[in-house]
């Protein structure tokens, strides 16, 4: 899941970014509305965690522009506003969900995950290929009943491949969906993560490389 965090209080913004990355999400963090619009112009995000009270372009305007583009991007609006009318006003702008500050981080994660599921095509709650199963909600993957000890990046790559349902997924797509903007486009991170995944999944191999194409799960 690719997430953009837009929050002008830098300590909070960085803390949320670090926490969501630990949950296996690819997260970019910006501190004002202008930077948010710049990022949205070049990157497809599943979810934007958007502070309503931003310097420069206000959060309300950022939300309006996302909605105007009929984007599949979902918006979780954050604000210190506490009255029902203020919350309703935020939702009327087109935000998909609303969370008042201060908030519990576990609730933020749950809401981001729920919005992320709505941002793309509907997927089954459990992803499977033969004896391999992956539960995105519980963050559990097993093969032949054996629980796989996966890093957040390994889990996210496996989730992307299973969600593709046998279709080819390029290294560029994996880099965009699993890593954030700080990732070097010439990095070997994807190849290294695939290699570790293959080792942990064991034999017979189910992740196959298509030369100059990418990766897929299925028959050779």
N, C-alpha and C. Protein backbone atom coordinates (compact mmCIF):
# COMPACT_ATOMS: atom_id res chain seq x y z
N UNK A 1 0.84 -1.18 0.00
CA UNK A 1 0.00 0.00 0.00
C UNK A 1 0.88 1.25 0.00
N UNK A 2 0.59 2.20 -0.87
CA UNK A 2 1.36 3.44 -0.96
C UNK A 2 0.57 4.56 -0.27
N UNK A 3 1.20 5.20 0.70
CA UNK A 3 0.52 6.19 1.55
C UNK A 3 1.30 7.50 1.53
N UNK A 4 0.56 8.61 1.45
CA UNK A 4 1.14 9.95 1.59
C UNK A 4 0.63 10.55 2.90
N UNK A 5 1.55 10.94 3.76
CA UNK A 5 1.21 11.61 5.02
C UNK A 5 1.47 13.10 4.85
N UNK A 6 0.43 13.90 5.06
CA UNK A 6 0.54 15.36 4.92
C UNK A 6 0.19 15.99 6.27
N UNK A 7 1.20 16.47 6.97
CA UNK A 7 1.01 16.98 8.34
C UNK A 7 2.10 18.01 8.61
N UNK A 8 1.71 19.23 9.05
CA UNK A 8 2.69 20.29 9.21
C UNK A 8 3.48 20.20 10.51
N UNK A 9 2.99 19.45 11.49
CA UNK A 9 3.76 19.25 12.73
C UNK A 9 4.74 18.13 12.45
N UNK A 10 6.01 18.51 12.25
CA UNK A 10 6.98 17.56 11.70
C UNK A 10 7.18 16.34 12.58
N UNK A 11 7.22 16.53 13.90
CA UNK A 11 7.44 15.38 14.79
C UNK A 11 6.33 14.35 14.60
N UNK A 12 5.09 14.83 14.55
CA UNK A 12 3.95 13.92 14.36
C UNK A 12 4.01 13.27 12.98
N UNK A 13 4.33 14.07 11.97
CA UNK A 13 4.38 13.54 10.60
C UNK A 13 5.41 12.42 10.49
N UNK A 14 6.61 12.66 11.02
CA UNK A 14 7.67 11.64 10.94
C UNK A 14 7.31 10.41 11.76
N UNK A 15 6.69 10.62 12.92
CA UNK A 15 6.31 9.50 13.78
C UNK A 15 5.28 8.62 13.08
N UNK A 16 4.26 9.25 12.47
CA UNK A 16 3.26 8.48 11.74
C UNK A 16 3.91 7.74 10.57
N UNK A 17 4.80 8.42 9.86
CA UNK A 17 5.47 7.78 8.73
C UNK A 17 6.25 6.54 9.15
N UNK A 18 7.02 6.66 10.22
CA UNK A 18 7.81 5.52 10.71
C UNK A 18 6.89 4.38 11.13
N UNK A 19 5.82 4.73 11.84
CA UNK A 19 4.89 3.69 12.32
C UNK A 19 4.22 2.95 11.19
N UNK A 20 3.78 3.67 10.16
CA UNK A 20 3.12 3.01 9.02
C UNK A 20 4.11 2.15 8.22
N UNK A 21 5.35 2.60 8.13
CA UNK A 21 6.37 1.77 7.45
C UNK A 21 6.58 0.46 8.19
N UNK A 22 6.54 0.53 9.51
CA UNK A 22 6.70 -0.70 10.30
C UNK A 22 5.53 -1.66 10.09
N UNK A 23 4.41 -1.12 9.63
CA UNK A 23 3.25 -1.95 9.31
C UNK A 23 3.30 -2.47 7.87
N UNK A 24 4.42 -2.23 7.18
CA UNK A 24 4.61 -2.77 5.85
C UNK A 24 4.14 -1.87 4.72
N UNK A 25 3.84 -0.61 5.01
CA UNK A 25 3.36 0.30 3.98
C UNK A 25 4.53 1.13 3.42
N UNK A 26 4.39 1.54 2.16
CA UNK A 26 5.34 2.46 1.55
C UNK A 26 4.82 3.87 1.79
N UNK A 27 5.59 4.68 2.50
CA UNK A 27 5.08 5.96 3.00
C UNK A 27 5.99 7.12 2.58
N UNK A 28 5.38 8.17 2.01
CA UNK A 28 6.05 9.44 1.79
C UNK A 28 5.46 10.45 2.75
N UNK A 29 6.29 11.38 3.23
CA UNK A 29 5.86 12.37 4.22
C UNK A 29 6.16 13.77 3.70
N UNK A 30 5.16 14.66 3.72
CA UNK A 30 5.36 16.06 3.37
C UNK A 30 4.71 16.92 4.45
N UNK A 31 5.13 18.20 4.49
CA UNK A 31 4.74 19.05 5.60
C UNK A 31 3.80 20.20 5.22
N UNK A 32 3.42 20.30 3.95
CA UNK A 32 2.49 21.37 3.57
C UNK A 32 1.69 20.96 2.34
N UNK A 33 0.65 21.75 2.05
CA UNK A 33 -0.26 21.41 0.96
C UNK A 33 0.37 21.50 -0.41
N UNK A 34 1.27 22.46 -0.63
CA UNK A 34 1.93 22.57 -1.93
C UNK A 34 2.73 21.31 -2.26
N UNK A 35 3.50 20.84 -1.29
CA UNK A 35 4.29 19.63 -1.50
C UNK A 35 3.37 18.42 -1.73
N UNK A 36 2.23 18.40 -1.04
CA UNK A 36 1.28 17.30 -1.23
C UNK A 36 0.79 17.25 -2.67
N UNK A 37 0.42 18.40 -3.23
CA UNK A 37 -0.07 18.44 -4.61
C UNK A 37 1.03 18.05 -5.59
N UNK A 38 2.27 18.45 -5.30
CA UNK A 38 3.39 18.06 -6.17
C UNK A 38 3.55 16.54 -6.18
N UNK A 39 3.46 15.92 -5.02
CA UNK A 39 3.59 14.46 -4.94
C UNK A 39 2.42 13.76 -5.63
N UNK A 40 1.22 14.27 -5.42
CA UNK A 40 0.04 13.65 -6.02
C UNK A 40 0.04 13.74 -7.54
N UNK A 41 0.75 14.73 -8.07
CA UNK A 41 0.81 14.89 -9.52
C UNK A 41 1.66 13.82 -10.20
N UNK A 42 2.57 13.19 -9.44
CA UNK A 42 3.50 12.25 -10.07
C UNK A 42 3.41 10.83 -9.51
N UNK A 43 2.70 10.65 -8.39
CA UNK A 43 2.66 9.33 -7.75
C UNK A 43 1.22 8.94 -7.46
N UNK A 44 0.89 7.68 -7.72
CA UNK A 44 -0.45 7.18 -7.42
C UNK A 44 -0.45 6.61 -6.00
N UNK A 45 -1.19 7.26 -5.12
CA UNK A 45 -1.29 6.82 -3.73
C UNK A 45 -2.61 6.10 -3.49
N UNK A 46 -2.55 5.09 -2.64
CA UNK A 46 -3.78 4.41 -2.23
C UNK A 46 -4.53 5.25 -1.20
N UNK A 47 -3.76 5.81 -0.27
CA UNK A 47 -4.37 6.58 0.83
C UNK A 47 -3.54 7.83 1.10
N UNK A 48 -4.23 8.94 1.34
CA UNK A 48 -3.58 10.17 1.82
C UNK A 48 -4.08 10.45 3.23
N UNK A 49 -3.15 10.49 4.18
CA UNK A 49 -3.47 10.89 5.55
C UNK A 49 -3.24 12.40 5.60
N UNK A 50 -4.32 13.17 5.66
CA UNK A 50 -4.28 14.59 5.37
C UNK A 50 -4.71 15.44 6.57
N UNK A 51 -3.77 16.24 7.07
CA UNK A 51 -4.13 17.21 8.11
C UNK A 51 -4.96 18.33 7.47
N UNK A 52 -6.02 18.71 8.12
CA UNK A 52 -6.90 19.73 7.54
C UNK A 52 -6.31 21.13 7.63
N UNK A 53 -5.51 21.37 8.67
CA UNK A 53 -4.98 22.71 8.93
C UNK A 53 -3.52 22.78 8.49
N UNK A 54 -3.31 23.08 7.20
CA UNK A 54 -1.97 23.09 6.62
C UNK A 54 -1.56 24.49 6.20
N UNK A 55 -0.25 24.79 6.25
CA UNK A 55 0.23 26.04 5.65
C UNK A 55 0.22 25.94 4.13
N UNK A 56 0.21 27.08 3.47
CA UNK A 56 0.17 27.07 2.01
C UNK A 56 -1.21 26.68 1.53
N UNK A 57 -1.29 25.67 0.71
CA UNK A 57 -2.59 25.17 0.26
C UNK A 57 -3.25 24.41 1.41
N UNK A 58 -4.44 24.83 1.85
CA UNK A 58 -5.08 24.16 2.99
C UNK A 58 -5.45 22.71 2.68
N UNK A 59 -5.61 21.94 3.74
CA UNK A 59 -5.99 20.54 3.57
C UNK A 59 -7.32 20.40 2.85
N UNK A 60 -8.25 21.32 3.10
CA UNK A 60 -9.55 21.27 2.42
C UNK A 60 -9.37 21.34 0.90
N UNK A 61 -8.48 22.23 0.44
CA UNK A 61 -8.26 22.39 -0.99
C UNK A 61 -7.56 21.17 -1.59
N UNK A 62 -6.61 20.61 -0.85
CA UNK A 62 -5.95 19.39 -1.32
C UNK A 62 -6.98 18.28 -1.51
N UNK A 63 -7.88 18.14 -0.54
CA UNK A 63 -8.93 17.13 -0.62
C UNK A 63 -9.82 17.38 -1.83
N UNK A 64 -10.22 18.63 -2.05
CA UNK A 64 -11.08 18.96 -3.20
C UNK A 64 -10.42 18.56 -4.51
N UNK A 65 -9.13 18.82 -4.63
CA UNK A 65 -8.43 18.53 -5.89
C UNK A 65 -8.31 17.02 -6.12
N UNK A 66 -8.13 16.28 -5.06
CA UNK A 66 -8.10 14.82 -5.20
C UNK A 66 -9.45 14.33 -5.71
N UNK A 67 -10.52 14.84 -5.12
CA UNK A 67 -11.86 14.42 -5.52
C UNK A 67 -12.18 14.87 -6.94
N UNK A 68 -11.78 16.09 -7.32
CA UNK A 68 -12.07 16.61 -8.65
C UNK A 68 -11.46 15.75 -9.75
N UNK A 69 -10.32 15.13 -9.45
CA UNK A 69 -9.65 14.29 -10.44
C UNK A 69 -10.26 12.89 -10.51
N UNK A 70 -11.33 12.67 -9.75
CA UNK A 70 -11.99 11.35 -9.70
C UNK A 70 -10.96 10.26 -9.40
N UNK A 71 -10.03 10.59 -8.54
CA UNK A 71 -8.95 9.67 -8.21
C UNK A 71 -9.46 8.52 -7.34
N UNK A 72 -8.81 7.37 -7.50
CA UNK A 72 -9.13 6.24 -6.62
C UNK A 72 -8.49 6.41 -5.25
N UNK A 73 -7.65 7.43 -5.11
CA UNK A 73 -6.99 7.69 -3.83
C UNK A 73 -8.01 8.00 -2.75
N UNK A 74 -7.86 7.36 -1.60
CA UNK A 74 -8.76 7.59 -0.47
C UNK A 74 -8.12 8.58 0.50
N UNK A 75 -8.96 9.40 1.13
CA UNK A 75 -8.46 10.46 2.01
C UNK A 75 -8.93 10.22 3.45
N UNK A 76 -7.96 10.14 4.35
CA UNK A 76 -8.25 10.11 5.79
C UNK A 76 -7.85 11.47 6.34
N UNK A 77 -8.82 12.25 6.76
CA UNK A 77 -8.55 13.61 7.22
C UNK A 77 -8.29 13.62 8.72
N UNK A 78 -7.21 14.31 9.10
CA UNK A 78 -6.86 14.49 10.50
C UNK A 78 -7.11 15.94 10.89
N UNK A 79 -7.65 16.16 12.06
CA UNK A 79 -7.85 17.53 12.52
C UNK A 79 -8.08 17.55 14.01
N UNK A 80 -7.80 18.71 14.60
CA UNK A 80 -8.09 18.91 16.02
C UNK A 80 -9.55 19.27 16.24
N UNK A 81 -10.30 19.50 15.14
CA UNK A 81 -11.71 19.85 15.26
C UNK A 81 -12.46 18.73 15.96
N UNK A 82 -13.33 19.12 16.88
CA UNK A 82 -13.98 18.09 17.70
C UNK A 82 -15.49 18.07 17.59
N UNK A 83 -16.11 19.10 17.00
CA UNK A 83 -17.56 19.13 16.95
C UNK A 83 -18.08 18.28 15.80
N UNK A 84 -19.32 17.84 15.92
CA UNK A 84 -19.93 17.03 14.86
C UNK A 84 -19.97 17.81 13.55
N UNK A 85 -20.33 19.11 13.62
CA UNK A 85 -20.41 19.90 12.39
C UNK A 85 -19.07 19.98 11.68
N UNK A 86 -17.99 20.16 12.43
CA UNK A 86 -16.67 20.23 11.82
C UNK A 86 -16.31 18.91 11.14
N UNK A 87 -16.67 17.80 11.78
CA UNK A 87 -16.38 16.50 11.18
C UNK A 87 -17.22 16.30 9.92
N UNK A 88 -18.49 16.70 9.98
CA UNK A 88 -19.36 16.57 8.81
C UNK A 88 -18.85 17.43 7.67
N UNK A 89 -18.39 18.64 7.97
CA UNK A 89 -17.85 19.52 6.93
C UNK A 89 -16.67 18.86 6.23
N UNK A 90 -15.81 18.21 7.00
CA UNK A 90 -14.67 17.53 6.41
C UNK A 90 -15.09 16.42 5.47
N UNK A 91 -16.07 15.65 5.88
CA UNK A 91 -16.56 14.56 5.04
C UNK A 91 -17.27 15.09 3.80
N UNK A 92 -17.95 16.22 3.94
CA UNK A 92 -18.64 16.82 2.80
C UNK A 92 -17.66 17.29 1.73
N UNK A 93 -16.42 17.55 2.10
CA UNK A 93 -15.41 17.96 1.12
C UNK A 93 -15.00 16.80 0.21
N UNK A 94 -15.34 15.59 0.63
CA UNK A 94 -14.98 14.43 -0.15
C UNK A 94 -14.06 13.47 0.56
N UNK A 95 -13.66 13.80 1.80
CA UNK A 95 -12.83 12.87 2.57
C UNK A 95 -13.59 11.57 2.79
N UNK A 96 -12.86 10.46 2.80
CA UNK A 96 -13.48 9.15 2.97
C UNK A 96 -13.62 8.78 4.43
N UNK A 97 -12.77 9.35 5.27
CA UNK A 97 -12.85 9.05 6.69
C UNK A 97 -12.24 10.23 7.45
N UNK A 98 -12.44 10.22 8.74
CA UNK A 98 -12.10 11.37 9.57
C UNK A 98 -11.58 10.85 10.90
N UNK A 99 -10.48 11.43 11.37
CA UNK A 99 -9.93 11.03 12.66
C UNK A 99 -9.50 12.28 13.41
N UNK A 100 -10.07 12.47 14.61
CA UNK A 100 -9.76 13.65 15.41
C UNK A 100 -8.47 13.43 16.20
N UNK A 101 -7.71 14.51 16.34
CA UNK A 101 -6.51 14.48 17.19
C UNK A 101 -6.91 14.81 18.62
N UNK A 102 -6.23 14.23 19.59
CA UNK A 102 -5.22 13.17 19.48
C UNK A 102 -5.88 11.83 19.17
N UNK A 103 -5.15 10.94 18.53
CA UNK A 103 -5.72 9.66 18.13
C UNK A 103 -4.82 8.52 18.59
N UNK A 104 -5.41 7.34 18.66
CA UNK A 104 -4.65 6.13 18.98
C UNK A 104 -4.04 5.59 17.68
N UNK A 105 -2.75 5.28 17.72
CA UNK A 105 -2.08 4.87 16.48
C UNK A 105 -2.68 3.60 15.91
N UNK A 106 -3.09 2.68 16.75
CA UNK A 106 -3.69 1.43 16.26
C UNK A 106 -4.95 1.72 15.46
N UNK A 107 -5.73 2.72 15.90
CA UNK A 107 -6.93 3.08 15.16
C UNK A 107 -6.56 3.71 13.82
N UNK A 108 -5.53 4.54 13.80
CA UNK A 108 -5.07 5.13 12.54
C UNK A 108 -4.69 4.04 11.54
N UNK A 109 -3.92 3.06 12.00
CA UNK A 109 -3.51 1.96 11.12
C UNK A 109 -4.72 1.22 10.58
N UNK A 110 -5.67 0.92 11.45
CA UNK A 110 -6.87 0.18 11.03
C UNK A 110 -7.66 0.95 9.98
N UNK A 111 -7.77 2.26 10.18
CA UNK A 111 -8.51 3.08 9.21
C UNK A 111 -7.77 3.19 7.88
N UNK A 112 -6.46 3.33 7.93
CA UNK A 112 -5.68 3.38 6.69
C UNK A 112 -5.80 2.07 5.92
N UNK A 113 -5.72 0.96 6.63
CA UNK A 113 -5.85 -0.35 5.96
C UNK A 113 -7.23 -0.50 5.33
N UNK A 114 -8.26 -0.08 6.05
CA UNK A 114 -9.62 -0.20 5.52
C UNK A 114 -9.78 0.65 4.25
N UNK A 115 -9.24 1.87 4.27
CA UNK A 115 -9.32 2.72 3.09
C UNK A 115 -8.49 2.15 1.94
N UNK A 116 -7.35 1.57 2.27
CA UNK A 116 -6.51 0.98 1.23
C UNK A 116 -7.22 -0.15 0.50
N UNK A 117 -8.01 -0.92 1.22
CA UNK A 117 -8.75 -2.00 0.57
C UNK A 117 -9.78 -1.44 -0.40
N UNK A 118 -10.32 -0.27 -0.10
CA UNK A 118 -11.32 0.34 -0.97
C UNK A 118 -10.69 1.06 -2.16
N UNK A 119 -9.38 1.35 -2.08
CA UNK A 119 -8.73 2.13 -3.14
C UNK A 119 -8.51 1.32 -4.42
N UNK A 120 -8.40 0.01 -4.29
CA UNK A 120 -8.14 -0.82 -5.45
C UNK A 120 -9.27 -1.80 -5.69
N UNK A 121 -9.08 -2.67 -6.68
CA UNK A 121 -10.10 -3.69 -6.95
C UNK A 121 -10.32 -4.56 -5.71
N UNK A 122 -11.55 -5.00 -5.54
CA UNK A 122 -11.87 -5.83 -4.38
C UNK A 122 -11.04 -7.11 -4.41
N UNK A 123 -10.47 -7.46 -3.26
CA UNK A 123 -9.68 -8.67 -3.15
C UNK A 123 -10.28 -9.56 -2.07
N UNK A 124 -10.10 -10.86 -2.19
CA UNK A 124 -10.58 -11.75 -1.13
C UNK A 124 -9.84 -11.45 0.17
N UNK A 125 -10.46 -11.72 1.32
CA UNK A 125 -9.80 -11.42 2.60
C UNK A 125 -8.54 -12.25 2.81
N UNK A 126 -8.49 -13.43 2.20
CA UNK A 126 -7.31 -14.29 2.27
C UNK A 126 -6.80 -14.52 0.85
N UNK A 127 -5.52 -14.25 0.61
CA UNK A 127 -4.91 -14.50 -0.69
C UNK A 127 -4.26 -15.87 -0.66
N UNK A 128 -4.48 -16.66 -1.73
CA UNK A 128 -3.99 -18.03 -1.73
C UNK A 128 -3.43 -18.43 -3.09
N UNK A 129 -2.42 -19.28 -3.04
CA UNK A 129 -1.97 -20.00 -4.22
C UNK A 129 -1.53 -21.37 -3.75
N UNK A 130 -2.31 -22.38 -4.15
CA UNK A 130 -2.05 -23.75 -3.69
C UNK A 130 -1.96 -23.77 -2.17
N UNK A 131 -0.79 -24.23 -1.64
CA UNK A 131 -0.67 -24.40 -0.19
C UNK A 131 -0.18 -23.12 0.50
N UNK A 132 -0.01 -22.04 -0.27
CA UNK A 132 0.44 -20.77 0.29
C UNK A 132 -0.76 -19.87 0.57
N UNK A 133 -0.85 -19.34 1.79
CA UNK A 133 -1.94 -18.42 2.15
C UNK A 133 -1.36 -17.17 2.80
N UNK A 134 -2.03 -16.05 2.56
CA UNK A 134 -1.59 -14.78 3.15
C UNK A 134 -2.83 -14.02 3.62
N UNK A 135 -2.81 -13.63 4.87
CA UNK A 135 -3.92 -12.88 5.48
C UNK A 135 -3.45 -11.45 5.71
N UNK A 136 -3.82 -10.49 4.82
CA UNK A 136 -3.34 -9.11 4.97
C UNK A 136 -3.80 -8.46 6.27
N UNK A 137 -5.01 -8.79 6.72
CA UNK A 137 -5.53 -8.17 7.93
C UNK A 137 -4.75 -8.56 9.18
N UNK A 138 -4.46 -9.86 9.29
CA UNK A 138 -3.73 -10.35 10.47
C UNK A 138 -2.22 -10.32 10.28
N UNK A 139 -1.77 -10.00 9.05
CA UNK A 139 -0.34 -9.95 8.72
C UNK A 139 0.32 -11.30 8.95
N UNK A 140 -0.34 -12.34 8.46
CA UNK A 140 0.16 -13.71 8.64
C UNK A 140 0.23 -14.40 7.28
N UNK A 141 1.36 -15.06 7.02
CA UNK A 141 1.51 -15.87 5.81
C UNK A 141 1.97 -17.26 6.21
N UNK A 142 1.40 -18.29 5.56
CA UNK A 142 1.77 -19.66 5.85
C UNK A 142 1.94 -20.45 4.56
N UNK A 143 2.77 -21.49 4.61
CA UNK A 143 2.88 -22.44 3.51
C UNK A 143 2.85 -23.84 4.09
N UNK A 144 1.89 -24.61 3.61
CA UNK A 144 1.68 -25.97 4.12
C UNK A 144 1.52 -25.95 5.64
N UNK A 145 0.83 -24.92 6.14
CA UNK A 145 0.58 -24.81 7.58
C UNK A 145 1.73 -24.23 8.38
N UNK A 146 2.85 -24.01 7.72
CA UNK A 146 4.03 -23.47 8.42
C UNK A 146 4.02 -21.95 8.33
N UNK A 147 4.06 -21.29 9.47
CA UNK A 147 4.05 -19.83 9.47
C UNK A 147 5.39 -19.29 8.95
N UNK A 148 5.30 -18.33 8.05
CA UNK A 148 6.50 -17.73 7.46
C UNK A 148 6.87 -16.48 8.23
N UNK A 149 8.12 -16.41 8.65
CA UNK A 149 8.61 -15.23 9.37
C UNK A 149 9.14 -14.24 8.34
N UNK A 150 8.31 -13.28 7.96
CA UNK A 150 8.64 -12.35 6.89
C UNK A 150 8.84 -10.93 7.43
N UNK A 151 9.79 -10.23 6.83
CA UNK A 151 9.94 -8.81 7.14
C UNK A 151 8.77 -8.04 6.52
N UNK A 152 8.53 -6.79 6.95
CA UNK A 152 7.45 -6.02 6.33
C UNK A 152 7.57 -5.90 4.82
N UNK A 153 8.77 -5.70 4.29
CA UNK A 153 8.95 -5.59 2.85
C UNK A 153 8.70 -6.93 2.16
N UNK A 154 9.17 -8.03 2.74
CA UNK A 154 8.92 -9.35 2.16
C UNK A 154 7.43 -9.65 2.13
N UNK A 155 6.74 -9.32 3.21
CA UNK A 155 5.30 -9.56 3.27
C UNK A 155 4.59 -8.74 2.19
N UNK A 156 4.99 -7.47 2.05
CA UNK A 156 4.33 -6.59 1.08
C UNK A 156 4.57 -7.05 -0.35
N UNK A 157 5.78 -7.50 -0.65
CA UNK A 157 6.07 -8.01 -2.00
C UNK A 157 5.25 -9.26 -2.28
N UNK A 158 5.20 -10.17 -1.31
CA UNK A 158 4.41 -11.39 -1.49
C UNK A 158 2.93 -11.05 -1.68
N UNK A 159 2.43 -10.08 -0.93
CA UNK A 159 1.03 -9.66 -1.08
C UNK A 159 0.77 -9.12 -2.48
N UNK A 160 1.69 -8.30 -3.00
CA UNK A 160 1.53 -7.75 -4.36
C UNK A 160 1.50 -8.86 -5.40
N UNK A 161 2.38 -9.84 -5.26
CA UNK A 161 2.45 -10.93 -6.24
C UNK A 161 1.20 -11.81 -6.18
N UNK A 162 0.73 -12.12 -4.97
CA UNK A 162 -0.48 -12.92 -4.85
C UNK A 162 -1.71 -12.17 -5.35
N UNK A 163 -1.77 -10.88 -5.08
CA UNK A 163 -2.91 -10.07 -5.52
C UNK A 163 -2.97 -9.98 -7.04
N UNK A 164 -1.82 -10.11 -7.71
CA UNK A 164 -1.79 -10.06 -9.18
C UNK A 164 -2.39 -11.30 -9.80
N UNK A 165 -2.59 -12.35 -9.01
CA UNK A 165 -3.30 -13.56 -9.46
C UNK A 165 -2.67 -14.16 -10.72
N UNK A 166 -1.36 -14.32 -10.69
CA UNK A 166 -0.66 -14.96 -11.80
C UNK A 166 -0.15 -14.02 -12.87
N UNK A 167 -0.59 -12.76 -12.82
CA UNK A 167 -0.12 -11.79 -13.80
C UNK A 167 1.29 -11.33 -13.45
N UNK A 168 1.98 -10.86 -14.47
CA UNK A 168 3.35 -10.39 -14.30
C UNK A 168 3.37 -9.06 -13.54
N UNK A 169 4.29 -8.94 -12.58
CA UNK A 169 4.48 -7.69 -11.84
C UNK A 169 5.92 -7.26 -12.05
N UNK A 170 6.12 -6.09 -12.62
CA UNK A 170 7.47 -5.64 -12.92
C UNK A 170 8.19 -5.20 -11.65
N UNK A 171 9.52 -5.17 -11.72
CA UNK A 171 10.31 -4.68 -10.59
C UNK A 171 9.98 -3.22 -10.31
N UNK A 172 9.70 -2.46 -11.37
CA UNK A 172 9.35 -1.04 -11.19
C UNK A 172 8.04 -0.91 -10.41
N UNK A 173 7.06 -1.76 -10.73
CA UNK A 173 5.79 -1.72 -10.01
C UNK A 173 5.98 -2.08 -8.54
N UNK A 174 6.78 -3.09 -8.28
CA UNK A 174 7.04 -3.48 -6.89
C UNK A 174 7.75 -2.36 -6.14
N UNK A 175 8.70 -1.71 -6.80
CA UNK A 175 9.42 -0.61 -6.17
C UNK A 175 8.47 0.52 -5.82
N UNK A 176 7.51 0.80 -6.71
CA UNK A 176 6.56 1.89 -6.47
C UNK A 176 5.57 1.55 -5.38
N UNK A 177 5.11 0.29 -5.34
CA UNK A 177 4.05 -0.08 -4.40
C UNK A 177 4.57 -0.39 -3.00
N UNK A 178 5.82 -0.87 -2.91
CA UNK A 178 6.32 -1.37 -1.63
C UNK A 178 7.34 -0.43 -0.98
N UNK A 179 8.12 0.28 -1.80
CA UNK A 179 9.12 1.20 -1.27
C UNK A 179 8.62 2.64 -1.43
N UNK A 180 9.24 3.58 -0.75
CA UNK A 180 8.80 4.97 -0.85
C UNK A 180 9.69 5.76 -1.79
N UNK A 181 9.49 7.08 -1.84
CA UNK A 181 10.19 7.92 -2.81
C UNK A 181 11.69 7.97 -2.57
N UNK A 182 12.14 7.60 -1.37
CA UNK A 182 13.56 7.63 -1.08
C UNK A 182 14.31 6.48 -1.74
N UNK A 183 13.59 5.51 -2.28
CA UNK A 183 14.23 4.35 -2.89
C UNK A 183 14.96 4.74 -4.17
N UNK A 184 16.17 4.30 -4.32
CA UNK A 184 16.96 4.53 -5.53
C UNK A 184 16.38 3.69 -6.66
N UNK A 185 16.01 4.30 -7.81
CA UNK A 185 15.43 3.51 -8.91
C UNK A 185 16.38 2.45 -9.45
N UNK A 186 17.66 2.58 -9.13
CA UNK A 186 18.64 1.60 -9.60
C UNK A 186 19.02 0.60 -8.51
N UNK A 187 18.26 0.62 -7.42
CA UNK A 187 18.56 -0.26 -6.30
C UNK A 187 18.33 -1.73 -6.66
N UNK A 188 19.00 -2.59 -5.93
CA UNK A 188 18.77 -4.04 -6.08
C UNK A 188 17.84 -4.56 -5.00
N UNK A 189 17.14 -3.64 -4.31
CA UNK A 189 16.30 -4.04 -3.18
C UNK A 189 15.24 -5.05 -3.59
N UNK A 190 14.61 -4.86 -4.77
CA UNK A 190 13.57 -5.79 -5.20
C UNK A 190 14.16 -7.18 -5.41
N UNK A 191 15.25 -7.23 -6.14
CA UNK A 191 15.89 -8.52 -6.42
C UNK A 191 16.33 -9.21 -5.13
N UNK A 192 16.88 -8.44 -4.21
CA UNK A 192 17.32 -9.01 -2.93
C UNK A 192 16.14 -9.53 -2.12
N UNK A 193 15.05 -8.78 -2.09
CA UNK A 193 13.86 -9.19 -1.35
C UNK A 193 13.24 -10.45 -1.96
N UNK A 194 13.18 -10.52 -3.28
CA UNK A 194 12.66 -11.71 -3.95
C UNK A 194 13.52 -12.93 -3.60
N UNK A 195 14.83 -12.75 -3.59
CA UNK A 195 15.72 -13.87 -3.26
C UNK A 195 15.47 -14.37 -1.84
N UNK A 196 15.32 -13.44 -0.89
CA UNK A 196 15.04 -13.86 0.49
C UNK A 196 13.69 -14.54 0.59
N UNK A 197 12.70 -14.02 -0.14
CA UNK A 197 11.37 -14.63 -0.12
C UNK A 197 11.43 -16.06 -0.62
N UNK A 198 12.12 -16.28 -1.72
CA UNK A 198 12.23 -17.64 -2.27
C UNK A 198 12.84 -18.59 -1.26
N UNK A 199 13.85 -18.12 -0.54
CA UNK A 199 14.49 -18.96 0.47
C UNK A 199 13.50 -19.32 1.57
N UNK A 200 12.73 -18.34 2.04
CA UNK A 200 11.79 -18.58 3.13
C UNK A 200 10.60 -19.42 2.68
N UNK A 201 10.18 -19.27 1.41
CA UNK A 201 9.05 -20.07 0.92
C UNK A 201 9.44 -21.52 0.72
N UNK A 202 10.70 -21.78 0.40
CA UNK A 202 11.15 -23.15 0.22
C UNK A 202 10.76 -23.73 -1.13
N UNK A 203 10.95 -25.03 -1.28
CA UNK A 203 10.65 -25.75 -2.53
C UNK A 203 9.29 -26.42 -2.46
N UNK A 204 8.65 -26.61 -3.62
CA UNK A 204 9.07 -26.14 -4.94
C UNK A 204 8.89 -24.64 -5.09
N UNK A 205 9.73 -24.04 -5.94
CA UNK A 205 9.70 -22.59 -6.13
C UNK A 205 8.37 -22.18 -6.77
N UNK A 206 7.80 -21.08 -6.29
CA UNK A 206 6.55 -20.60 -6.88
C UNK A 206 6.66 -19.17 -7.40
N UNK A 207 7.75 -18.46 -7.03
CA UNK A 207 7.98 -17.12 -7.59
C UNK A 207 8.93 -17.27 -8.77
N UNK A 208 8.46 -16.88 -9.94
CA UNK A 208 9.24 -17.06 -11.16
C UNK A 208 9.61 -15.71 -11.76
N UNK A 209 10.82 -15.66 -12.29
CA UNK A 209 11.32 -14.45 -12.95
C UNK A 209 11.10 -14.57 -14.44
N UNK A 210 10.54 -13.53 -15.03
CA UNK A 210 10.38 -13.45 -16.48
C UNK A 210 11.42 -12.45 -16.97
N UNK A 211 12.32 -12.88 -17.79
CA UNK A 211 13.45 -12.06 -18.23
C UNK A 211 12.94 -10.75 -18.83
N UNK A 212 13.48 -9.65 -18.30
CA UNK A 212 13.14 -8.29 -18.74
C UNK A 212 11.64 -7.98 -18.59
N UNK A 213 11.00 -8.76 -17.73
CA UNK A 213 9.57 -8.54 -17.53
C UNK A 213 9.21 -8.27 -16.09
N UNK A 214 9.65 -9.16 -15.21
CA UNK A 214 9.31 -9.01 -13.80
C UNK A 214 9.15 -10.35 -13.12
N UNK A 215 8.17 -10.43 -12.22
CA UNK A 215 7.97 -11.62 -11.40
C UNK A 215 6.49 -11.99 -11.36
N UNK A 216 6.24 -13.28 -11.14
CA UNK A 216 4.87 -13.72 -10.97
C UNK A 216 4.85 -15.00 -10.15
N UNK A 217 3.71 -15.26 -9.54
CA UNK A 217 3.50 -16.51 -8.81
C UNK A 217 2.64 -17.40 -9.66
N UNK A 218 3.10 -18.64 -9.86
CA UNK A 218 2.34 -19.58 -10.68
C UNK A 218 3.25 -20.65 -11.25
N UNK A 219 2.81 -21.28 -12.33
CA UNK A 219 3.62 -22.29 -12.99
C UNK A 219 4.77 -21.64 -13.72
N UNK A 220 5.89 -22.36 -13.89
CA UNK A 220 7.04 -21.80 -14.62
C UNK A 220 6.66 -21.40 -16.03
